[in-house]
Amino acid sequence: MDAKSSPSHQTPAAKSPQKPIRMRRWLIIVGGALVLLVGIIWGFNAFRSHMIAEFFKNNKPPPTVVAVAEAKSEVLPNLLTAVGDLAAINQVNVTTDVNGRVTEILFQPGSEVKAGDPLLQIYDAPEQSDLASFKAQTLAAQLALDRAKTLLARSFGPQATVDQAQAAYDQGAAAVAKTEAIISQKRITAPFNGVLGVRLVQLGQYLSAGTQIVSLTDLSRLYLNFTVTEKDRAVLNVGQTVRIKVDAYPGRTFEGKITTIEPQISADTRNVRVQATLDNPNRILQPGMFASTTVELPPKPAVITVPETAVDYTLYGDSVWLITETKGPDGKVSLKTDRTFVKTGQRINGRVVIASGIKPGDRVVAVGQLKLQSGSAVTISPDQPPQIPAQPPRY
C-alpha cells in the first residue's frame, strides 16, 4: 500500500513548477514584441523626419524672375509747384451808359470783334435832331463871327460885337459836342479786340444805365495768378519760366514768364501772390481755368534716384528690394534680395529721390516685388522695366 500510494502523491508536486516558466516566456515574448513595435514606430518617424528634411533641403523653389533697375546719381530739375487760376488781361462786361430802347443789335454772340466795332444801337432820334439844330446855330454863329471880324478889321464895327459873336459860336460848338457825345453813348462799341460772349439783351428792350449787354474777353494773352509760401519767396524772381497744365488738355504743357510778385506778404496766410503772363495764340485756354503750376528754379546738386515702381510705401516706412550677390559652396554666384528701408524725397518724371539707404550703382527690384521675401533667390528678367509715358493716355 505504501509503495503504490507514493506516485499518486508526487504527480501534483511535479507539475506546479511549469506554470511560472510558461508565464515568464509569455511575458518575455509580449515585452519583446512591444519593444520591437516601439522601435519600428520610432524608426519610421525618424526616417520620415529625415526624408522630409532632405526633401525640403533639396527641393528649393525656383528663383523669382524680377525686373531690375539701377540707382542713378543725376541732377533733377529744381521745381516749385503750386496751384493757380487763369485770368484775362482784358475782360469786361459791356454795358450802356444811358437809358434808352434798343433799335439795333449789331453783333453775333461768340464772334471776334476789333476795337471800335459797333455792338448795339439805342434810340437816338431826338439827339440827332438836336444835333442838326445845334449845327445850324453854330453855322449861323460862325457867319456872324466872320462878318464881325471883317467889320472890325475895316474899323466899321466894335470889338464887343466880335466878342458876342465868338461867344455865340463857342456856345453852339459846345452844344454840338455835347449832343455828339450823347449820341456816341447810345452807339455801343467794342473797347478792345476780343471774343464776345452770350447776348443778354433783346431788340426793342428798354435798357437802364449800367445794364449788361455782353461780355468781351481778349484771349490773346492771359494772366496766371498763384500763391506760394513765404519761405519760397527768396527763390522767385521776375522773368522765371512757369509751366502750367490744365485739366481740359491732359498731357499738354503751356509756358509763360513771371511778370509780377506782390511786394506784400499776406498777414493771414503768410503767402505771396505771384502773377505770370503767357501767350495764348490758339485761344484754347480760357479765363477761370484751374492750373497746376511749376516754376523752374536754379538746379540743385546731384541726387540718387530710382524708378517709382521700385519703392514700396507702407505704414512701417518706405523700402526697396536690394539685389545682392552671394557665392555658394560650389563657387556659383546667386542673386538674393533684401528689404532695405530708405528715405524718399521728391518725385519727378517717374523717378523718386532717395535721400538715404542706398548708393549709386545699387541694383533694386523694379517689377515683381509681391513674390519676394528677405533672402529670396531671384533671376533678372531680360525685359526692361516699363517706361513712364511722355504723355499720359486720354480717357
Protein backbone atom coordinates (compact mmCIF):
# COMPACT_ATOMS: atom_id res chain seq x y z
CA MET A 1 0.00 0.00 0.00
CA ASP A 2 2.75 2.46 0.78
CA ALA A 3 4.59 1.66 -2.43
CA LYS A 4 1.53 2.10 -4.62
CA SER A 5 0.34 5.23 -2.99
CA SER A 6 3.56 7.21 -3.26
CA PRO A 7 3.37 8.03 -7.02
CA SER A 8 -0.10 9.45 -6.72
CA HIS A 9 1.11 11.84 -4.09
CA GLN A 10 4.16 13.06 -6.23
CA THR A 11 2.32 14.00 -9.52
CA PRO A 12 0.89 17.42 -8.44
CA ALA A 13 4.19 18.44 -7.00
CA ALA A 14 5.97 17.68 -10.29
CA LYS A 15 3.54 19.76 -12.47
CA SER A 16 3.47 23.01 -10.42
CA PRO A 17 6.91 24.49 -11.50
CA GLN A 18 5.92 24.57 -15.25
CA LYS A 19 3.28 27.36 -14.88
CA PRO A 20 5.70 30.15 -13.84
CA ILE A 21 8.03 29.11 -16.66
CA ARG A 22 5.31 29.43 -19.28
CA MET A 23 4.12 32.77 -17.81
CA ARG A 24 7.66 34.11 -17.89
CA ARG A 25 8.10 33.07 -21.51
CA TRP A 26 4.82 34.72 -22.45
CA LEU A 27 5.80 37.97 -20.77
CA ILE A 28 9.19 37.91 -22.47
CA ILE A 29 7.55 37.40 -25.88
CA VAL A 30 4.98 40.17 -25.34
CA GLY A 31 7.64 42.54 -24.00
CA GLY A 32 9.92 41.81 -26.93
CA ALA A 33 7.03 42.40 -29.34
CA LEU A 34 6.23 45.71 -27.70
CA VAL A 35 9.88 46.77 -27.78
CA LEU A 36 10.09 45.78 -31.42
CA LEU A 37 6.87 47.68 -32.22
CA VAL A 38 8.06 50.80 -30.42
CA GLY A 39 11.37 50.57 -32.21
CA ILE A 40 9.65 50.20 -35.55
CA ILE A 41 7.43 53.24 -34.85
CA TRP A 42 10.35 55.33 -33.62
CA GLY A 43 12.48 54.32 -36.57
CA PHE A 44 9.68 55.10 -39.01
CA ASN A 45 9.15 58.55 -37.51
CA ALA A 46 12.88 59.23 -37.56
CA PHE A 47 13.11 58.04 -41.16
CA ARG A 48 10.09 60.16 -42.16
CA SER A 49 11.53 63.29 -40.49
CA HIS A 50 14.85 62.68 -42.19
CA MET A 51 13.22 62.23 -45.59
CA ILE A 52 11.07 65.36 -45.14
CA ALA A 53 14.14 67.37 -44.17
CA GLU A 54 16.03 66.00 -47.16
CA PHE A 55 13.08 66.83 -49.42
CA PHE A 56 12.86 70.46 -48.32
CA LYS A 57 16.64 70.73 -48.30
CA ASN A 58 17.00 69.60 -51.89
CA ASN A 59 13.66 70.91 -53.20
CA LYS A 60 14.21 74.70 -53.15
CA PRO A 61 11.69 76.88 -55.05
CA PRO A 62 12.92 78.26 -58.36
CA PRO A 63 14.30 81.82 -58.33
CA THR A 64 11.73 84.58 -58.80
CA VAL A 65 12.00 86.44 -62.09
CA VAL A 66 12.17 90.20 -61.48
CA ALA A 67 12.95 93.33 -63.46
CA VAL A 68 15.90 95.27 -62.08
CA ALA A 69 16.81 98.95 -62.25
CA GLU A 70 19.97 100.70 -61.18
CA ALA A 71 20.11 103.57 -58.71
CA LYS A 72 21.45 106.61 -60.55
CA SER A 73 23.09 109.83 -59.49
CA GLU A 74 21.59 112.62 -61.57
CA VAL A 75 20.72 116.30 -61.49
CA LEU A 76 16.96 116.72 -61.42
CA PRO A 77 15.11 119.88 -62.39
CA ASN A 78 14.55 122.06 -59.34
CA LEU A 79 10.85 122.79 -59.48
CA LEU A 80 8.43 124.72 -57.30
CA THR A 81 4.85 123.51 -57.65
CA ALA A 82 1.70 125.45 -56.86
CA VAL A 83 -1.91 125.78 -57.97
CA GLY A 84 -3.47 128.81 -59.57
CA ASP A 85 -6.07 130.06 -61.99
CA LEU A 86 -6.11 131.87 -65.31
CA ALA A 87 -7.45 135.38 -65.82
CA ALA A 88 -7.79 137.54 -68.90
CA ILE A 89 -5.58 140.58 -69.27
CA ASN A 90 -8.53 142.45 -70.84
CA GLN A 91 -12.03 141.35 -69.92
CA VAL A 92 -15.14 143.45 -69.45
CA ASN A 93 -18.90 143.22 -69.30
CA VAL A 94 -20.10 145.69 -71.94
CA THR A 95 -22.84 147.95 -70.55
CA THR A 96 -24.76 151.06 -71.59
CA ASP A 97 -24.05 154.49 -70.09
CA VAL A 98 -27.51 155.94 -70.71
CA ASN A 99 -31.14 154.86 -70.70
CA GLY A 100 -32.85 154.01 -73.94
CA ARG A 101 -34.57 151.49 -76.20
CA VAL A 102 -32.56 149.04 -78.30
CA THR A 103 -33.10 149.70 -82.00
CA GLU A 104 -30.27 147.59 -83.48
CA ILE A 105 -28.17 144.65 -82.35
CA LEU A 106 -25.01 144.75 -84.44
CA PHE A 107 -23.08 141.68 -83.21
CA GLN A 108 -23.24 137.91 -83.23
CA PRO A 109 -22.70 136.11 -79.89
CA GLY A 110 -19.35 134.31 -79.74
CA SER A 111 -17.82 136.26 -82.63
CA GLU A 112 -14.48 138.06 -82.64
CA VAL A 113 -14.55 141.84 -82.84
CA LYS A 114 -11.97 144.59 -83.07
CA ALA A 115 -11.72 147.75 -81.04
CA GLY A 116 -14.34 150.29 -82.25
CA ASP A 117 -16.66 147.77 -83.90
CA PRO A 118 -20.34 148.72 -83.20
CA LEU A 119 -22.24 146.33 -80.97
CA LEU A 120 -25.58 147.97 -80.14
CA GLN A 121 -27.65 150.98 -81.11
CA ILE A 122 -30.00 152.75 -78.71
CA TYR A 123 -32.79 155.04 -80.00
CA ASP A 124 -31.22 158.47 -80.62
CA ALA A 125 -33.58 160.30 -83.00
CA PRO A 126 -34.18 163.24 -80.59
CA GLU A 127 -30.44 163.71 -80.12
CA GLN A 128 -29.89 163.58 -83.87
CA SER A 129 -32.48 166.34 -84.30
CA ASP A 130 -30.85 168.41 -81.58
CA LEU A 131 -27.50 167.88 -83.26
CA ALA A 132 -28.81 169.16 -86.58
CA SER A 133 -30.31 172.20 -84.83
CA PHE A 134 -27.10 172.96 -82.92
CA LYS A 135 -25.03 172.56 -86.05
CA ALA A 136 -27.28 175.10 -87.86
CA GLN A 137 -27.00 177.52 -84.95
CA THR A 138 -23.25 177.04 -84.92
CA LEU A 139 -23.07 177.76 -88.65
CA ALA A 140 -25.07 180.97 -88.20
CA ALA A 141 -22.84 181.96 -85.30
CA GLN A 142 -19.77 181.26 -87.45
CA LEU A 143 -21.06 183.52 -90.23
CA ALA A 144 -21.89 186.27 -87.75
CA LEU A 145 -18.42 185.95 -86.23
CA ASP A 146 -16.75 186.19 -89.64
CA ARG A 147 -18.73 189.38 -90.51
CA ALA A 148 -17.93 190.95 -87.16
CA LYS A 149 -14.24 190.26 -87.64
CA THR A 150 -14.34 191.72 -91.15
CA LEU A 151 -16.06 194.91 -89.98
CA LEU A 152 -13.62 195.18 -87.08
CA ALA A 153 -10.69 194.83 -89.45
CA ARG A 154 -12.08 197.75 -91.55
CA SER A 155 -12.85 199.77 -88.40
CA PHE A 156 -16.58 199.66 -89.17
CA GLY A 157 -17.57 197.65 -86.08
CA PRO A 158 -16.69 197.49 -82.37
CA GLN A 159 -14.77 194.72 -80.60
CA ALA A 160 -17.82 193.99 -78.43
CA THR A 161 -19.69 192.71 -81.48
CA VAL A 162 -16.84 190.30 -82.25
CA ASP A 163 -16.79 189.09 -78.66
CA GLN A 164 -20.53 188.46 -78.65
CA ALA A 165 -20.33 186.60 -81.96
CA GLN A 166 -17.41 184.49 -80.66
CA ALA A 167 -19.35 183.61 -77.51
CA ALA A 168 -22.39 182.59 -79.56
CA TYR A 169 -20.22 180.44 -81.80
CA ASP A 170 -18.47 178.77 -78.85
CA GLN A 171 -21.81 178.07 -77.22
CA GLY A 172 -23.15 176.45 -80.37
CA ALA A 173 -19.97 174.36 -80.80
CA ALA A 174 -20.25 173.17 -77.19
CA ALA A 175 -23.87 172.16 -77.73
CA VAL A 176 -22.84 170.23 -80.84
CA ALA A 177 -20.05 168.45 -78.96
CA LYS A 178 -22.37 167.58 -76.07
CA THR A 179 -25.03 166.21 -78.37
CA GLU A 180 -22.46 164.17 -80.32
CA ALA A 181 -21.21 162.73 -77.03
CA ILE A 182 -24.75 161.69 -76.06
CA ILE A 183 -25.23 160.11 -79.49
CA SER A 184 -21.94 158.23 -79.16
CA GLN A 185 -23.06 156.88 -75.78
CA LYS A 186 -26.11 155.41 -77.50
CA ARG A 187 -23.98 153.54 -80.02
CA ILE A 188 -22.10 150.89 -78.01
CA THR A 189 -18.75 149.85 -79.48
CA ALA A 190 -16.07 147.30 -78.53
CA PRO A 191 -13.37 148.89 -76.30
CA PHE A 192 -10.67 146.41 -77.45
CA ASN A 193 -10.11 143.34 -79.59
CA GLY A 194 -11.66 140.20 -78.20
CA VAL A 195 -14.31 137.50 -78.29
CA LEU A 196 -17.92 138.20 -77.40
CA GLY A 197 -19.92 136.05 -75.03
CA VAL A 198 -23.65 135.35 -74.73
CA ARG A 199 -26.05 138.13 -75.72
CA LEU A 200 -28.08 139.37 -72.74
CA VAL A 201 -30.42 141.91 -74.39
CA GLN A 202 -33.25 141.78 -76.91
CA LEU A 203 -34.28 144.01 -79.78
CA GLY A 204 -36.73 146.65 -78.56
CA GLN A 205 -35.78 146.17 -74.91
CA TYR A 206 -35.55 149.32 -72.77
CA LEU A 207 -32.19 149.48 -71.05
CA SER A 208 -31.28 151.35 -67.92
CA ALA A 209 -27.80 152.78 -67.49
CA GLY A 210 -25.43 150.02 -66.40
CA THR A 211 -27.39 147.14 -67.92
CA GLN A 212 -25.05 144.34 -69.06
CA ILE A 213 -25.19 143.69 -72.79
CA VAL A 214 -22.49 141.09 -73.49
CA SER A 215 -19.08 140.02 -72.18
CA LEU A 216 -15.91 140.81 -74.13
CA THR A 217 -12.68 138.91 -73.49
CA ASP A 218 -9.25 139.25 -75.03
CA LEU A 219 -7.86 135.68 -75.27
CA SER A 220 -4.57 136.51 -76.98
CA ARG A 221 -2.71 136.72 -73.65
CA LEU A 222 -3.64 135.59 -70.15
CA TYR A 223 -2.57 136.10 -66.58
CA LEU A 224 -1.73 133.16 -64.32
CA ASN A 225 -2.32 134.01 -60.66
CA PHE A 226 -0.97 131.69 -57.95
CA THR A 227 0.36 131.87 -54.41
CA VAL A 228 3.47 130.45 -52.73
CA THR A 229 4.55 130.32 -49.10
CA GLU A 230 6.82 132.98 -47.67
CA LYS A 231 9.74 130.53 -47.42
CA ASP A 232 9.70 130.23 -51.23
CA ARG A 233 9.84 133.99 -51.80
CA ALA A 234 13.65 134.02 -51.81
CA VAL A 235 13.87 131.69 -54.84
CA LEU A 236 11.34 133.56 -57.01
CA ASN A 237 12.28 136.31 -59.43
CA VAL A 238 10.58 138.18 -62.26
CA GLY A 239 11.37 136.54 -65.58
CA GLN A 240 11.49 132.94 -64.36
CA THR A 241 9.83 130.35 -66.57
CA VAL A 242 6.47 128.98 -65.48
CA ARG A 243 4.87 125.85 -66.93
CA ILE A 244 1.22 125.03 -66.38
CA LYS A 245 -1.14 122.13 -67.01
CA VAL A 246 -4.92 122.29 -67.14
CA ASP A 247 -7.49 119.51 -66.82
CA ALA A 248 -9.06 120.39 -70.17
CA TYR A 249 -5.92 119.38 -72.08
CA PRO A 250 -4.21 116.46 -70.27
CA GLY A 251 -0.64 115.83 -71.34
CA ARG A 252 -0.12 119.34 -72.72
CA THR A 253 2.13 121.97 -71.14
CA PHE A 254 1.89 125.73 -71.57
CA GLU A 255 4.70 128.14 -70.80
CA GLY A 256 4.86 131.70 -69.51
CA LYS A 257 7.03 134.12 -67.53
CA ILE A 258 6.66 135.61 -64.06
CA THR A 259 5.84 139.30 -64.54
CA THR A 260 4.73 140.47 -61.08
CA ILE A 261 5.45 139.44 -57.50
CA GLU A 262 3.29 141.02 -54.81
CA PRO A 263 5.58 143.14 -52.60
CA GLN A 264 3.49 142.39 -49.50
CA ILE A 265 3.08 139.05 -47.73
CA SER A 266 -0.42 138.26 -46.51
CA ALA A 267 -0.61 138.61 -42.74
CA ASP A 268 -3.39 135.98 -42.57
CA THR A 269 -1.94 133.17 -44.68
CA ARG A 270 1.76 134.15 -44.93
CA ASN A 271 1.51 133.58 -48.67
CA VAL A 272 2.82 135.64 -51.55
CA ARG A 273 0.76 136.37 -54.66
CA VAL A 274 2.60 135.81 -57.92
CA GLN A 275 1.42 136.65 -61.42
CA ALA A 276 2.77 135.25 -64.68
CA THR A 277 1.87 136.18 -68.25
CA LEU A 278 1.54 133.65 -71.04
CA ASP A 279 0.61 133.81 -74.69
CA ASN A 280 -2.49 132.01 -75.91
CA PRO A 281 -2.12 132.02 -79.70
CA ASN A 282 -4.62 129.22 -80.35
CA ARG A 283 -7.20 130.69 -77.95
CA ILE A 284 -7.62 127.30 -76.26
CA LEU A 285 -7.00 128.46 -72.70
CA GLN A 286 -9.93 130.17 -71.00
CA PRO A 287 -10.04 132.62 -68.08
CA GLY A 288 -11.10 130.91 -64.87
CA MET A 289 -9.40 127.58 -65.63
CA PHE A 290 -7.70 125.80 -62.73
CA ALA A 291 -3.98 125.38 -63.45
CA SER A 292 -1.23 123.21 -61.95
CA THR A 293 1.82 125.46 -61.88
CA THR A 294 5.51 124.57 -61.98
CA VAL A 295 8.25 127.19 -61.64
CA GLU A 296 11.76 126.34 -62.80
CA LEU A 297 14.34 127.20 -60.12
CA PRO A 298 18.16 127.09 -60.24
CA PRO A 299 19.43 123.46 -60.28
CA LYS A 300 20.45 121.64 -57.10
CA PRO A 301 23.34 119.14 -56.60
CA ALA A 302 23.03 115.61 -57.98
CA VAL A 303 20.82 113.16 -56.07
CA ILE A 304 20.23 109.39 -56.10
CA THR A 305 17.06 108.30 -57.91
CA VAL A 306 15.25 105.04 -58.63
CA PRO A 307 12.06 104.33 -60.61
CA GLU A 308 8.82 104.97 -58.74
CA THR A 309 7.84 101.30 -59.17
CA ALA A 310 10.88 100.22 -57.12
CA VAL A 311 9.66 101.82 -53.87
CA ASP A 312 7.21 100.10 -51.51
CA TYR A 313 5.23 102.59 -49.44
CA THR A 314 3.95 101.13 -46.16
CA LEU A 315 2.94 102.29 -42.70
CA TYR A 316 6.28 101.00 -41.40
CA GLY A 317 8.30 103.11 -43.81
CA ASP A 318 9.42 103.24 -47.42
CA SER A 319 11.66 100.46 -48.68
CA VAL A 320 13.27 98.92 -51.76
CA TRP A 321 14.37 95.36 -52.54
CA LEU A 322 18.14 95.46 -52.90
CA ILE A 323 19.84 92.85 -55.11
CA THR A 324 22.91 91.20 -53.50
CA GLU A 325 25.30 88.58 -54.88
CA THR A 326 26.24 85.51 -52.83
CA LYS A 327 28.73 82.73 -53.71
CA GLY A 328 27.74 79.16 -52.84
CA PRO A 329 29.99 76.23 -51.79
CA ASP A 330 30.23 75.18 -55.43
CA GLY A 331 31.57 78.62 -56.41
CA LYS A 332 28.45 79.66 -58.30
CA VAL A 333 27.15 83.21 -57.83
CA SER A 334 23.47 83.57 -56.97
CA LEU A 335 21.31 86.66 -56.59
CA LYS A 336 19.25 87.34 -53.49
CA THR A 337 17.05 90.20 -52.32
CA ASP A 338 16.99 92.05 -49.03
CA ARG A 339 14.39 94.59 -47.99
CA THR A 340 16.19 97.88 -47.36
CA PHE A 341 14.42 100.83 -45.78
CA VAL A 342 15.11 104.18 -47.43
CA LYS A 343 14.22 107.82 -47.01
CA THR A 344 12.43 109.14 -50.06
CA GLY A 345 12.18 112.69 -51.37
CA GLN A 346 10.80 114.46 -54.41
CA ARG A 347 9.15 112.53 -57.24
CA ILE A 348 9.51 113.77 -60.80
CA ASN A 349 9.18 112.24 -64.26
CA GLY A 350 8.60 108.73 -62.93
CA ARG A 351 11.63 108.68 -60.59
CA VAL A 352 11.96 109.06 -56.81
CA VAL A 353 14.78 110.80 -54.98
CA ILE A 354 16.40 108.54 -52.35
CA ALA A 355 17.93 110.65 -49.58
CA SER A 356 19.47 107.71 -47.69
CA GLY A 357 19.56 103.91 -47.65
CA ILE A 358 21.27 103.04 -50.95
CA LYS A 359 24.14 104.35 -53.04
CA PRO A 360 24.63 104.96 -56.77
CA GLY A 361 25.07 101.75 -58.76
CA ASP A 362 22.98 99.57 -56.43
CA ARG A 363 20.50 97.36 -58.20
CA VAL A 364 16.92 97.30 -56.96
CA VAL A 365 13.84 95.34 -57.98
CA ALA A 366 11.61 97.49 -60.18
CA VAL A 367 8.89 94.92 -61.02
CA GLY A 368 7.94 91.71 -59.18
CA GLN A 369 8.18 92.69 -55.51
CA LEU A 370 4.94 90.93 -54.49
CA LYS A 371 6.55 87.46 -54.64
CA LEU A 372 9.66 88.37 -52.67
CA GLN A 373 10.80 87.72 -49.11
CA SER A 374 14.05 88.62 -47.44
CA GLY A 375 16.71 86.27 -48.76
CA SER A 376 14.65 85.11 -51.74
CA ALA A 377 16.62 83.91 -54.73
CA VAL A 378 15.92 85.88 -57.89
CA THR A 379 16.87 85.89 -61.52
CA ILE A 380 16.91 89.02 -63.66
CA SER A 381 14.35 89.27 -66.43
CA PRO A 382 15.70 90.28 -69.83
CA ASP A 383 12.79 92.68 -70.21
CA GLN A 384 13.33 96.27 -69.14
CA PRO A 385 11.02 97.92 -66.56
CA PRO A 386 8.07 99.74 -68.11
CA GLN A 387 8.83 103.30 -69.15
CA ILE A 388 6.84 106.27 -67.91
CA PRO A 389 4.86 107.61 -70.94
CA ALA A 390 5.78 111.09 -72.13
CA GLN A 391 2.08 111.88 -72.40
CA PRO A 392 -0.48 110.08 -70.25
CA PRO A 393 -3.33 108.39 -72.14
CA ARG A 394 -6.57 110.27 -72.59
CA TYR A 395 -9.81 108.66 -71.44
